[in-house]
Amino acid sequence: MASDLIKHVSDSSFETDVLQSSKPVLVDFWAEWCGPCKAIAPALDELAGTYGDKLQIAKVNVDENRAIPAKYGIRGIPTLMVFKDGQLAASKVGAMTKAQMAQFIDQQLA
């Protein structure tokens, strides 16, 4: 199950939770039926604990929230996007290992 450190974001809360966040936000666009999405979830939980003070990790279910994924052109999931100061800073599509995700995050926090 998802960590308490991971925020579940909807189309209606995206502006407040992600774009107006005081720290960078890594958004995981996922769906219940997506195997690779489920495969990376435990690593995201661990990373939420590791980066908790520097980065917020959030999840957007693309089946329940269609406006935000459409706005950012999400075509494949999982898609990870980092937002800084209300702007999209970087994105990666597809499953990654925990080490690859940590490297992706570190590049954005550098």
PDB file of N, CA and C in Angstrom:
ATOM      1  N   MET A   1       0.844  -1.194   0.000  1.00  0.00           N
ATOM      2  CA  MET A   1       0.000   0.000   0.000  1.00  0.00           C
ATOM      3  C   MET A   1       0.876   1.240   0.000  1.00  0.00           C
ATOM      4  N   ALA A   2       0.383   2.290  -0.509  1.00  0.00           N
ATOM      5  CA  ALA A   2       1.166   3.518  -0.657  1.00  0.00           C
ATOM      6  C   ALA A   2       1.520   4.121   0.701  1.00  0.00           C
ATOM      7  N   SER A   3       2.664   4.699   0.735  1.00  0.00           N
ATOM      8  CA  SER A   3       3.171   5.352   1.933  1.00  0.00           C
ATOM      9  C   SER A   3       2.342   6.586   2.283  1.00  0.00           C
ATOM     10  N   ASP A   4       2.305   6.932   3.568  1.00  0.00           N
ATOM     11  CA  ASP A   4       1.633   8.161   4.007  1.00  0.00           C
ATOM     12  C   ASP A   4       2.364   9.391   3.489  1.00  0.00           C
ATOM     13  N   LEU A   5       3.613   9.213   3.077  1.00  0.00           N
ATOM     14  CA  LEU A   5       4.417  10.332   2.585  1.00  0.00           C
ATOM     15  C   LEU A   5       4.068  10.685   1.145  1.00  0.00           C
ATOM     16  N   ILE A   6       3.346   9.799   0.466  1.00  0.00           N
ATOM     17  CA  ILE A   6       2.971  10.044  -0.926  1.00  0.00           C
ATOM     18  C   ILE A   6       1.575  10.661  -0.962  1.00  0.00           C
ATOM     19  N   LYS A   7       1.478  11.777  -1.653  1.00  0.00           N
ATOM     20  CA  LYS A   7       0.214  12.513  -1.735  1.00  0.00           C
ATOM     21  C   LYS A   7      -0.553  12.058  -2.969  1.00  0.00           C
ATOM     22  N   HIS A   8      -1.834  11.762  -2.790  1.00  0.00           N
ATOM     23  CA  HIS A   8      -2.665  11.405  -3.934  1.00  0.00           C
ATOM     24  C   HIS A   8      -3.334  12.683  -4.432  1.00  0.00           C
ATOM     25  N   VAL A   9      -3.073  12.999  -5.694  1.00  0.00           N
ATOM     26  CA  VAL A   9      -3.479  14.269  -6.279  1.00  0.00           C
ATOM     27  C   VAL A   9      -4.547  14.015  -7.339  1.00  0.00           C
ATOM     28  N   SER A  10      -5.511  14.922  -7.425  1.00  0.00           N
ATOM     29  CA  SER A  10      -6.576  14.816  -8.422  1.00  0.00           C
ATOM     30  C   SER A  10      -6.482  16.003  -9.382  1.00  0.00           C
ATOM     31  N   ASP A  11      -7.297  15.965 -10.429  1.00  0.00           N
ATOM     32  CA  ASP A  11      -7.352  17.102 -11.352  1.00  0.00           C
ATOM     33  C   ASP A  11      -7.623  18.389 -10.574  1.00  0.00           C
ATOM     34  N   SER A  12      -8.532  18.317  -9.594  1.00  0.00           N
ATOM     35  CA  SER A  12      -8.934  19.531  -8.867  1.00  0.00           C
ATOM     36  C   SER A  12      -7.894  20.013  -7.863  1.00  0.00           C
ATOM     37  N   SER A  13      -7.061  19.100  -7.338  1.00  0.00           N
ATOM     38  CA  SER A  13      -6.061  19.516  -6.340  1.00  0.00           C
ATOM     39  C   SER A  13      -4.667  19.725  -6.932  1.00  0.00           C
ATOM     40  N   PHE A  14      -4.491  19.435  -8.225  1.00  0.00           N
ATOM     41  CA  PHE A  14      -3.164  19.495  -8.857  1.00  0.00           C
ATOM     42  C   PHE A  14      -2.525  20.881  -8.717  1.00  0.00           C
ATOM     43  N   GLU A  15      -3.299  21.915  -8.995  1.00  0.00           N
ATOM     44  CA  GLU A  15      -2.786  23.290  -8.916  1.00  0.00           C
ATOM     45  C   GLU A  15      -2.195  23.569  -7.534  1.00  0.00           C
ATOM     46  N   THR A  16      -2.949  23.267  -6.486  1.00  0.00           N
ATOM     47  CA  THR A  16      -2.512  23.526  -5.112  1.00  0.00           C
ATOM     48  C   THR A  16      -1.397  22.590  -4.685  1.00  0.00           C
ATOM     49  N   ASP A  17      -1.596  21.275  -4.893  1.00  0.00           N
ATOM     50  CA  ASP A  17      -0.654  20.274  -4.391  1.00  0.00           C
ATOM     51  C   ASP A  17       0.668  20.223  -5.143  1.00  0.00           C
ATOM     52  N   VAL A  18       0.640  20.518  -6.425  1.00  0.00           N
ATOM     53  CA  VAL A  18       1.849  20.372  -7.249  1.00  0.00           C
ATOM     54  C   VAL A  18       2.399  21.728  -7.695  1.00  0.00           C
ATOM     55  N   LEU A  19       1.587  22.493  -8.406  1.00  0.00           N
ATOM     56  CA  LEU A  19       2.100  23.732  -9.005  1.00  0.00           C
ATOM     57  C   LEU A  19       2.415  24.813  -7.972  1.00  0.00           C
ATOM     58  N   GLN A  20       1.710  24.800  -6.834  1.00  0.00           N
ATOM     59  CA  GLN A  20       1.960  25.811  -5.813  1.00  0.00           C
ATOM     60  C   GLN A  20       2.803  25.270  -4.656  1.00  0.00           C
ATOM     61  N   SER A  21       3.351  24.086  -4.807  1.00  0.00           N
ATOM     62  CA  SER A  21       4.159  23.481  -3.742  1.00  0.00           C
ATOM     63  C   SER A  21       5.422  24.294  -3.498  1.00  0.00           C
ATOM     64  N   SER A  22       5.811  24.383  -2.226  1.00  0.00           N
ATOM     65  CA  SER A  22       7.020  25.140  -1.875  1.00  0.00           C
ATOM     66  C   SER A  22       8.297  24.362  -2.187  1.00  0.00           C
ATOM     67  N   LYS A  23       8.161  23.036  -2.402  1.00  0.00           N
ATOM     68  CA  LYS A  23       9.335  22.244  -2.790  1.00  0.00           C
ATOM     69  C   LYS A  23       9.024  21.476  -4.067  1.00  0.00           C
ATOM     70  N   PRO A  24      10.058  20.979  -4.736  1.00  0.00           N
ATOM     71  CA  PRO A  24       9.817  20.219  -5.975  1.00  0.00           C
ATOM     72  C   PRO A  24       8.880  19.030  -5.720  1.00  0.00           C
ATOM     73  N   VAL A  25       8.121  18.669  -6.751  1.00  0.00           N
ATOM     74  CA  VAL A  25       7.178  17.553  -6.645  1.00  0.00           C
ATOM     75  C   VAL A  25       7.446  16.571  -7.779  1.00  0.00           C
ATOM     76  N   LEU A  26       7.623  15.304  -7.414  1.00  0.00           N
ATOM     77  CA  LEU A  26       7.719  14.222  -8.396  1.00  0.00           C
ATOM     78  C   LEU A  26       6.321  13.626  -8.502  1.00  0.00           C
ATOM     79  N   VAL A  27       5.717  13.712  -9.700  1.00  0.00           N
ATOM     80  CA  VAL A  27       4.372  13.182  -9.897  1.00  0.00           C
ATOM     81  C   VAL A  27       4.461  11.874 -10.682  1.00  0.00           C
ATOM     82  N   ASP A  28       3.857  10.841 -10.125  1.00  0.00           N
ATOM     83  CA  ASP A  28       3.773   9.536 -10.768  1.00  0.00           C
ATOM     84  C   ASP A  28       2.379   9.410 -11.375  1.00  0.00           C
ATOM     85  N   PHE A  29       2.299   9.399 -12.702  1.00  0.00           N
ATOM     86  CA  PHE A  29       1.033   9.170 -13.393  1.00  0.00           C
ATOM     87  C   PHE A  29       0.899   7.666 -13.575  1.00  0.00           C
ATOM     88  N   TRP A  30      -0.163   7.088 -13.025  1.00  0.00           N
ATOM     89  CA  TRP A  30      -0.300   5.628 -12.965  1.00  0.00           C
ATOM     90  C   TRP A  30      -1.763   5.217 -13.138  1.00  0.00           C
ATOM     91  N   ALA A  31      -1.982   3.896 -13.195  1.00  0.00           N
ATOM     92  CA  ALA A  31      -3.340   3.345 -13.215  1.00  0.00           C
ATOM     93  C   ALA A  31      -3.325   2.003 -12.489  1.00  0.00           C
ATOM     94  N   GLU A  32      -4.479   1.639 -11.972  1.00  0.00           N
ATOM     95  CA  GLU A  32      -4.648   0.401 -11.200  1.00  0.00           C
ATOM     96  C   GLU A  32      -4.253  -0.839 -12.007  1.00  0.00           C
ATOM     97  N   TRP A  33      -4.557  -0.848 -13.304  1.00  0.00           N
ATOM     98  CA  TRP A  33      -4.332  -2.011 -14.169  1.00  0.00           C
ATOM     99  C   TRP A  33      -2.906  -2.098 -14.718  1.00  0.00           C
ATOM    100  N   CYS A  34      -2.080  -1.113 -14.424  1.00  0.00           N
ATOM    101  CA  CYS A  34      -0.740  -1.014 -15.026  1.00  0.00           C
ATOM    102  C   CYS A  34       0.301  -1.777 -14.202  1.00  0.00           C
ATOM    103  N   GLY A  35       0.783  -2.887 -14.755  1.00  0.00           N
ATOM    104  CA  GLY A  35       1.790  -3.701 -14.063  1.00  0.00           C
ATOM    105  C   GLY A  35       3.061  -2.947 -13.710  1.00  0.00           C
ATOM    106  N   PRO A  36       3.687  -2.266 -14.692  1.00  0.00           N
ATOM    107  CA  PRO A  36       4.906  -1.509 -14.379  1.00  0.00           C
ATOM    108  C   PRO A  36       4.673  -0.423 -13.320  1.00  0.00           C
ATOM    109  N   CYS A  37       3.466   0.163 -13.296  1.00  0.00           N
ATOM    110  CA  CYS A  37       3.148   1.175 -12.278  1.00  0.00           C
ATOM    111  C   CYS A  37       3.200   0.545 -10.893  1.00  0.00           C
ATOM    112  N   LYS A  38       2.615  -0.648 -10.784  1.00  0.00           N
ATOM    113  CA  LYS A  38       2.624  -1.351  -9.498  1.00  0.00           C
ATOM    114  C   LYS A  38       4.042  -1.779  -9.129  1.00  0.00           C
ATOM    115  N   ALA A  39       4.844  -2.107 -10.141  1.00  0.00           N
ATOM    116  CA  ALA A  39       6.211  -2.568  -9.886  1.00  0.00           C
ATOM    117  C   ALA A  39       7.087  -1.465  -9.280  1.00  0.00           C
ATOM    118  N   ILE A  40       6.859  -0.213  -9.685  1.00  0.00           N
ATOM    119  CA  ILE A  40       7.710   0.867  -9.168  1.00  0.00           C
ATOM    120  C   ILE A  40       7.181   1.469  -7.864  1.00  0.00           C
ATOM    121  N   ALA A  41       5.940   1.125  -7.480  1.00  0.00           N
ATOM    122  CA  ALA A  41       5.320   1.717  -6.289  1.00  0.00           C
ATOM    123  C   ALA A  41       6.138   1.514  -5.002  1.00  0.00           C
ATOM    124  N   PRO A  42       6.644   0.303  -4.718  1.00  0.00           N
ATOM    125  CA  PRO A  42       7.427   0.149  -3.479  1.00  0.00           C
ATOM    126  C   PRO A  42       8.684   1.024  -3.456  1.00  0.00           C
ATOM    127  N   ALA A  43       9.337   1.174  -4.596  1.00  0.00           N
ATOM    128  CA  ALA A  43      10.530   2.021  -4.670  1.00  0.00           C
ATOM    129  C   ALA A  43      10.161   3.483  -4.441  1.00  0.00           C
ATOM    130  N   LEU A  44       9.023   3.906  -4.993  1.00  0.00           N
ATOM    131  CA  LEU A  44       8.564   5.279  -4.761  1.00  0.00           C
ATOM    132  C   LEU A  44       8.278   5.513  -3.285  1.00  0.00           C
ATOM    133  N   ASP A  45       7.695   4.516  -2.607  1.00  0.00           N
ATOM    134  CA  ASP A  45       7.435   4.628  -1.171  1.00  0.00           C
ATOM    135  C   ASP A  45       8.745   4.846  -0.414  1.00  0.00           C
ATOM    136  N   GLU A  46       9.768   4.051  -0.768  1.00  0.00           N
ATOM    137  CA  GLU A  46      11.073   4.182  -0.106  1.00  0.00           C
ATOM    138  C   GLU A  46      11.698   5.549  -0.399  1.00  0.00           C
ATOM    139  N   LEU A  47      11.603   5.989  -1.639  1.00  0.00           N
ATOM    140  CA  LEU A  47      12.174   7.282  -2.019  1.00  0.00           C
ATOM    141  C   LEU A  47      11.452   8.432  -1.330  1.00  0.00           C
ATOM    142  N   ALA A  48      10.159   8.277  -1.077  1.00  0.00           N
ATOM    143  CA  ALA A  48       9.398   9.318  -0.370  1.00  0.00           C
ATOM    144  C   ALA A  48       9.989   9.529   1.023  1.00  0.00           C
ATOM    145  N   GLY A  49      10.419   8.442   1.648  1.00  0.00           N
ATOM    146  CA  GLY A  49      11.059   8.546   2.964  1.00  0.00           C
ATOM    147  C   GLY A  49      12.444   9.166   2.868  1.00  0.00           C
ATOM    148  N   THR A  50      13.179   8.788   1.846  1.00  0.00           N
ATOM    149  CA  THR A  50      14.549   9.288   1.662  1.00  0.00           C
ATOM    150  C   THR A  50      14.578  10.774   1.339  1.00  0.00           C
ATOM    151  N   TYR A  51      13.686  11.214   0.462  1.00  0.00           N
ATOM    152  CA  TYR A  51      13.720  12.595  -0.034  1.00  0.00           C
ATOM    153  C   TYR A  51      12.661  13.498   0.602  1.00  0.00           C
ATOM    154  N   GLY A  52      11.983  12.985   1.631  1.00  0.00           N
ATOM    155  CA  GLY A  52      10.843  13.680   2.224  1.00  0.00           C
ATOM    156  C   GLY A  52      11.018  15.160   2.506  1.00  0.00           C
ATOM    157  N   ASP A  53      12.220  15.565   2.965  1.00  0.00           N
ATOM    158  CA  ASP A  53      12.421  16.981   3.311  1.00  0.00           C
ATOM    159  C   ASP A  53      12.741  17.840   2.096  1.00  0.00           C
ATOM    160  N   LYS A  54      13.156  17.216   0.984  1.00  0.00           N
ATOM    161  CA  LYS A  54      13.573  17.982  -0.200  1.00  0.00           C
ATOM    162  C   LYS A  54      12.582  17.915  -1.352  1.00  0.00           C
ATOM    163  N   LEU A  55      11.693  16.894  -1.316  1.00  0.00           N
ATOM    164  CA  LEU A  55      10.853  16.603  -2.476  1.00  0.00           C
ATOM    165  C   LEU A  55       9.553  15.965  -2.014  1.00  0.00           C
ATOM    166  N   GLN A  56       8.447  16.401  -2.601  1.00  0.00           N
ATOM    167  CA  GLN A  56       7.150  15.746  -2.364  1.00  0.00           C
ATOM    168  C   GLN A  56       6.921  14.752  -3.489  1.00  0.00           C
ATOM    169  N   ILE A  57       6.500  13.542  -3.156  1.00  0.00           N
ATOM    170  CA  ILE A  57       6.131  12.579  -4.191  1.00  0.00           C
ATOM    171  C   ILE A  57       4.602  12.486  -4.213  1.00  0.00           C
ATOM    172  N   ALA A  58       4.044  12.579  -5.408  1.00  0.00           N
ATOM    173  CA  ALA A  58       2.590  12.566  -5.579  1.00  0.00           C
ATOM    174  C   ALA A  58       2.219  11.553  -6.657  1.00  0.00           C
ATOM    175  N   LYS A  59       0.990  11.063  -6.592  1.00  0.00           N
ATOM    176  CA  LYS A  59       0.484  10.114  -7.582  1.00  0.00           C
ATOM    177  C   LYS A  59      -0.811  10.654  -8.171  1.00  0.00           C
ATOM    178  N   VAL A  60      -0.952  10.502  -9.491  1.00  0.00           N
ATOM    179  CA  VAL A  60      -2.193  10.871 -10.177  1.00  0.00           C
ATOM    180  C   VAL A  60      -2.691   9.626 -10.923  1.00  0.00           C
ATOM    181  N   ASN A  61      -3.871   9.169 -10.560  1.00  0.00           N
ATOM    182  CA  ASN A  61      -4.486   8.032 -11.238  1.00  0.00           C
ATOM    183  C   ASN A  61      -5.088   8.546 -12.548  1.00  0.00           C
ATOM    184  N   VAL A  62      -4.550   8.092 -13.669  1.00  0.00           N
ATOM    185  CA  VAL A  62      -4.966   8.614 -14.979  1.00  0.00           C
ATOM    186  C   VAL A  62      -6.375   8.169 -15.379  1.00  0.00           C
ATOM    187  N   ASP A  63      -6.898   7.110 -14.762  1.00  0.00           N
ATOM    188  CA  ASP A  63      -8.264   6.678 -15.063  1.00  0.00           C
ATOM    189  C   ASP A  63      -9.286   7.561 -14.351  1.00  0.00           C
ATOM    190  N   GLU A  64      -8.943   8.016 -13.155  1.00  0.00           N
ATOM    191  CA  GLU A  64      -9.866   8.833 -12.365  1.00  0.00           C
ATOM    192  C   GLU A  64      -9.705  10.326 -12.642  1.00  0.00           C
ATOM    193  N   ASN A  65      -8.568  10.708 -13.166  1.00  0.00           N
ATOM    194  CA  ASN A  65      -8.258  12.120 -13.433  1.00  0.00           C
ATOM    195  C   ASN A  65      -7.751  12.235 -14.860  1.00  0.00           C
ATOM    196  N   ARG A  66      -8.559  12.788 -15.732  1.00  0.00           N
ATOM    197  CA  ARG A  66      -8.197  12.829 -17.157  1.00  0.00           C
ATOM    198  C   ARG A  66      -7.673  14.177 -17.631  1.00  0.00           C
ATOM    199  N   ALA A  67      -8.031  15.260 -16.957  1.00  0.00           N
ATOM    200  CA  ALA A  67      -7.660  16.597 -17.432  1.00  0.00           C
ATOM    201  C   ALA A  67      -6.155  16.859 -17.328  1.00  0.00           C
ATOM    202  N   ILE A  68      -5.568  16.567 -16.181  1.00  0.00           N
ATOM    203  CA  ILE A  68      -4.139  16.849 -15.984  1.00  0.00           C
ATOM    204  C   ILE A  68      -3.269  15.971 -16.895  1.00  0.00           C
ATOM    205  N   PRO A  69      -3.489  14.643 -16.939  1.00  0.00           N
ATOM    206  CA  PRO A  69      -2.698  13.845 -17.887  1.00  0.00           C
ATOM    207  C   PRO A  69      -2.820  14.343 -19.321  1.00  0.00           C
ATOM    208  N   ALA A  70      -4.022  14.755 -19.728  1.00  0.00           N
ATOM    209  CA  ALA A  70      -4.216  15.273 -21.093  1.00  0.00           C
ATOM    210  C   ALA A  70      -3.443  16.579 -21.274  1.00  0.00           C
ATOM    211  N   LYS A  71      -3.481  17.445 -20.277  1.00  0.00           N
ATOM    212  CA  LYS A  71      -2.784  18.738 -20.359  1.00  0.00           C
ATOM    213  C   LYS A  71      -1.282  18.550 -20.576  1.00  0.00           C
ATOM    214  N   TYR A  72      -0.716  17.538 -19.922  1.00  0.00           N
ATOM    215  CA  TYR A  72       0.731  17.305 -20.031  1.00  0.00           C
ATOM    216  C   TYR A  72       1.092  16.237 -21.056  1.00  0.00           C
ATOM    217  N   GLY A  73       0.114  15.807 -21.851  1.00  0.00           N
ATOM    218  CA  GLY A  73       0.398  14.890 -22.959  1.00  0.00           C
ATOM    219  C   GLY A  73       0.846  13.505 -22.535  1.00  0.00           C
ATOM    220  N   ILE A  74       0.312  13.013 -21.429  1.00  0.00           N
ATOM    221  CA  ILE A  74       0.676  11.675 -20.956  1.00  0.00           C
ATOM    222  C   ILE A  74       0.119  10.646 -21.933  1.00  0.00           C
ATOM    223  N   ARG A  75       1.000   9.867 -22.541  1.00  0.00           N
ATOM    224  CA  ARG A  75       0.573   8.860 -23.505  1.00  0.00           C
ATOM    225  C   ARG A  75       0.885   7.443 -23.019  1.00  0.00           C
ATOM    226  N   GLY A  76       1.874   7.324 -22.149  1.00  0.00           N
ATOM    227  CA  GLY A  76       2.242   6.018 -21.608  1.00  0.00           C
ATOM    228  C   GLY A  76       2.429   6.137 -20.111  1.00  0.00           C
ATOM    229  N   ILE A  77       2.145   5.047 -19.413  1.00  0.00           N
ATOM    230  CA  ILE A  77       2.370   5.057 -17.972  1.00  0.00           C
ATOM    231  C   ILE A  77       3.185   3.828 -17.583  1.00  0.00           C
ATOM    232  N   PRO A  78       3.949   3.889 -16.512  1.00  0.00           N
ATOM    233  CA  PRO A  78       4.077   5.063 -15.647  1.00  0.00           C
ATOM    234  C   PRO A  78       4.866   6.196 -16.314  1.00  0.00           C
ATOM    235  N   THR A  79       4.450   7.417 -16.033  1.00  0.00           N
ATOM    236  CA  THR A  79       5.217   8.602 -16.406  1.00  0.00           C
ATOM    237  C   THR A  79       5.536   9.345 -15.117  1.00  0.00           C
ATOM    238  N   LEU A  80       6.804   9.662 -14.941  1.00  0.00           N
ATOM    239  CA  LEU A  80       7.242  10.443 -13.784  1.00  0.00           C
ATOM    240  C   LEU A  80       7.608  11.834 -14.264  1.00  0.00           C
ATOM    241  N   MET A  81       7.053  12.846 -13.608  1.00  0.00           N
ATOM    242  CA  MET A  81       7.350  14.238 -13.960  1.00  0.00           C
ATOM    243  C   MET A  81       7.764  14.996 -12.707  1.00  0.00           C
ATOM    244  N   VAL A  82       8.806  15.809 -12.854  1.00  0.00           N
ATOM    245  CA  VAL A  82       9.231  16.659 -11.750  1.00  0.00           C
ATOM    246  C   VAL A  82       8.794  18.089 -12.050  1.00  0.00           C
ATOM    247  N   PHE A  83       8.100  18.677 -11.089  1.00  0.00           N
ATOM    248  CA  PHE A  83       7.660  20.070 -11.192  1.00  0.00           C
ATOM    249  C   PHE A  83       8.418  20.895 -10.167  1.00  0.00           C
ATOM    250  N   LYS A  84       8.970  22.018 -10.623  1.00  0.00           N
ATOM    251  CA  LYS A  84       9.662  22.946  -9.731  1.00  0.00           C
ATOM    252  C   LYS A  84       9.110  24.341  -9.973  1.00  0.00           C
ATOM    253  N   ASP A  85       8.761  25.043  -8.899  1.00  0.00           N
ATOM    254  CA  ASP A  85       8.247  26.408  -8.993  1.00  0.00           C
ATOM    255  C   ASP A  85       7.094  26.521  -9.994  1.00  0.00           C
ATOM    256  N   GLY A  86       6.209  25.524  -9.982  1.00  0.00           N
ATOM    257  CA  GLY A  86       5.030  25.569 -10.838  1.00  0.00           C
ATOM    258  C   GLY A  86       5.264  25.203 -12.292  1.00  0.00           C
ATOM    259  N   GLN A  87       6.478  24.776 -12.612  1.00  0.00           N
ATOM    260  CA  GLN A  87       6.815  24.441 -14.002  1.00  0.00           C
ATOM    261  C   GLN A  87       7.265  22.990 -14.125  1.00  0.00           C
ATOM    262  N   LEU A  88       6.966  22.371 -15.251  1.00  0.00           N
ATOM    263  CA  LEU A  88       7.464  21.034 -15.537  1.00  0.00           C
ATOM    264  C   LEU A  88       8.959  21.141 -15.792  1.00  0.00           C
ATOM    265  N   ALA A  89       9.758  20.429 -15.000  1.00  0.00           N
ATOM    266  CA  ALA A  89      11.214  20.503 -15.127  1.00  0.00           C
ATOM    267  C   ALA A  89      11.791  19.311 -15.887  1.00  0.00           C
ATOM    268  N   ALA A  90      11.179  18.133 -15.729  1.00  0.00           N
ATOM    269  CA  ALA A  90      11.714  16.936 -16.379  1.00  0.00           C
ATOM    270  C   ALA A  90      10.670  15.834 -16.356  1.00  0.00           C
ATOM    271  N   SER A  91      10.783  14.897 -17.291  1.00  0.00           N
ATOM    272  CA  SER A  91       9.880  13.752 -17.278  1.00  0.00           C
ATOM    273  C   SER A  91      10.568  12.513 -17.817  1.00  0.00           C
ATOM    274  N   LYS A  92      10.090  11.369 -17.349  1.00  0.00           N
ATOM    275  CA  LYS A  92      10.572  10.069 -17.809  1.00  0.00           C
ATOM    276  C   LYS A  92       9.362   9.171 -17.957  1.00  0.00           C
ATOM    277  N   VAL A  93       9.342   8.378 -19.031  1.00  0.00           N
ATOM    278  CA  VAL A  93       8.246   7.448 -19.261  1.00  0.00           C
ATOM    279  C   VAL A  93       8.774   6.032 -19.120  1.00  0.00           C
ATOM    280  N   GLY A  94       8.001   5.192 -18.434  1.00  0.00           N
ATOM    281  CA  GLY A  94       8.367   3.786 -18.291  1.00  0.00           C
ATOM    282  C   GLY A  94       8.883   3.466 -16.902  1.00  0.00           C
ATOM    283  N   ALA A  95       8.874   2.184 -16.604  1.00  0.00           N
ATOM    284  CA  ALA A  95       9.336   1.724 -15.299  1.00  0.00           C
ATOM    285  C   ALA A  95      10.843   1.896 -15.184  1.00  0.00           C
ATOM    286  N   MET A  96      11.272   2.217 -13.975  1.00  0.00           N
ATOM    287  CA  MET A  96      12.696   2.364 -13.690  1.00  0.00           C
ATOM    288  C   MET A  96      13.008   1.640 -12.389  1.00  0.00           C
ATOM    289  N   THR A  97      14.266   1.342 -12.178  1.00  0.00           N
ATOM    290  CA  THR A  97      14.678   0.776 -10.893  1.00  0.00           C
ATOM    291  C   THR A  97      14.714   1.904  -9.865  1.00  0.00           C
ATOM    292  N   LYS A  98      14.796   1.526  -8.604  1.00  0.00           N
ATOM    293  CA  LYS A  98      14.882   2.531  -7.547  1.00  0.00           C
ATOM    294  C   LYS A  98      16.115   3.413  -7.761  1.00  0.00           C
ATOM    295  N   ALA A  99      17.229   2.793  -8.144  1.00  0.00           N
ATOM    296  CA  ALA A  99      18.468   3.548  -8.374  1.00  0.00           C
ATOM    297  C   ALA A  99      18.305   4.544  -9.523  1.00  0.00           C
ATOM    298  N   GLN A 100      17.619   4.132 -10.594  1.00  0.00           N
ATOM    299  CA  GLN A 100      17.390   5.034 -11.730  1.00  0.00           C
ATOM    300  C   GLN A 100      16.485   6.199 -11.322  1.00  0.00           C
ATOM    301  N   MET A 101      15.472   5.897 -10.509  1.00  0.00           N
ATOM    302  CA  MET A 101      14.582   6.968 -10.042  1.00  0.00           C
ATOM    303  C   MET A 101      15.344   7.935  -9.137  1.00  0.00           C
ATOM    304  N   ALA A 102      16.188   7.407  -8.259  1.00  0.00           N
ATOM    305  CA  ALA A 102      16.980   8.261  -7.365  1.00  0.00           C
ATOM    306  C   ALA A 102      17.909   9.155  -8.183  1.00  0.00           C
ATOM    307  N   GLN A 103      18.515   8.595  -9.225  1.00  0.00           N
ATOM    308  CA  GLN A 103      19.398   9.386 -10.087  1.00  0.00           C
ATOM    309  C   GLN A 103      18.606  10.490 -10.799  1.00  0.00           C
ATOM    310  N   PHE A 104      17.412  10.174 -11.293  1.00  0.00           N
ATOM    311  CA  PHE A 104      16.528  11.133 -11.942  1.00  0.00           C
ATOM    312  C   PHE A 104      16.181  12.278 -10.974  1.00  0.00           C
ATOM    313  N   ILE A 105      15.825  11.917  -9.740  1.00  0.00           N
ATOM    314  CA  ILE A 105      15.495  12.910  -8.715  1.00  0.00           C
ATOM    315  C   ILE A 105      16.720  13.764  -8.394  1.00  0.00           C
ATOM    316  N   ASP A 106      17.858  13.122  -8.186  1.00  0.00           N
ATOM    317  CA  ASP A 106      19.089  13.850  -7.835  1.00  0.00           C
ATOM    318  C   ASP A 106      19.443  14.869  -8.910  1.00  0.00           C
ATOM    319  N   GLN A 107      19.267  14.510 -10.173  1.00  0.00           N
ATOM    320  CA  GLN A 107      19.564  15.448 -11.272  1.00  0.00           C
ATOM    321  C   GLN A 107      18.685  16.691 -11.178  1.00  0.00           C
ATOM    322  N   GLN A 108      17.437  16.496 -10.750  1.00  0.00           N
ATOM    323  CA  GLN A 108      16.508  17.632 -10.665  1.00  0.00           C
ATOM    324  C   GLN A 108      16.726  18.475  -9.420  1.00  0.00           C
ATOM    325  N   LEU A 109      17.275  17.875  -8.379  1.00  0.00           N
ATOM    326  CA  LEU A 109      17.513  18.605  -7.130  1.00  0.00           C
ATOM    327  C   LEU A 109      18.865  19.291  -7.107  1.00  0.00           C
ATOM    328  N   ALA A 110      19.716  18.927  -8.058  1.00  0.00           N
ATOM    329  CA  ALA A 110      21.081  19.467  -8.087  1.00  0.00           C
ATOM    330  C   ALA A 110      21.083  20.973  -8.383  1.00  0.00           C
TER     331      ALA A 110
END
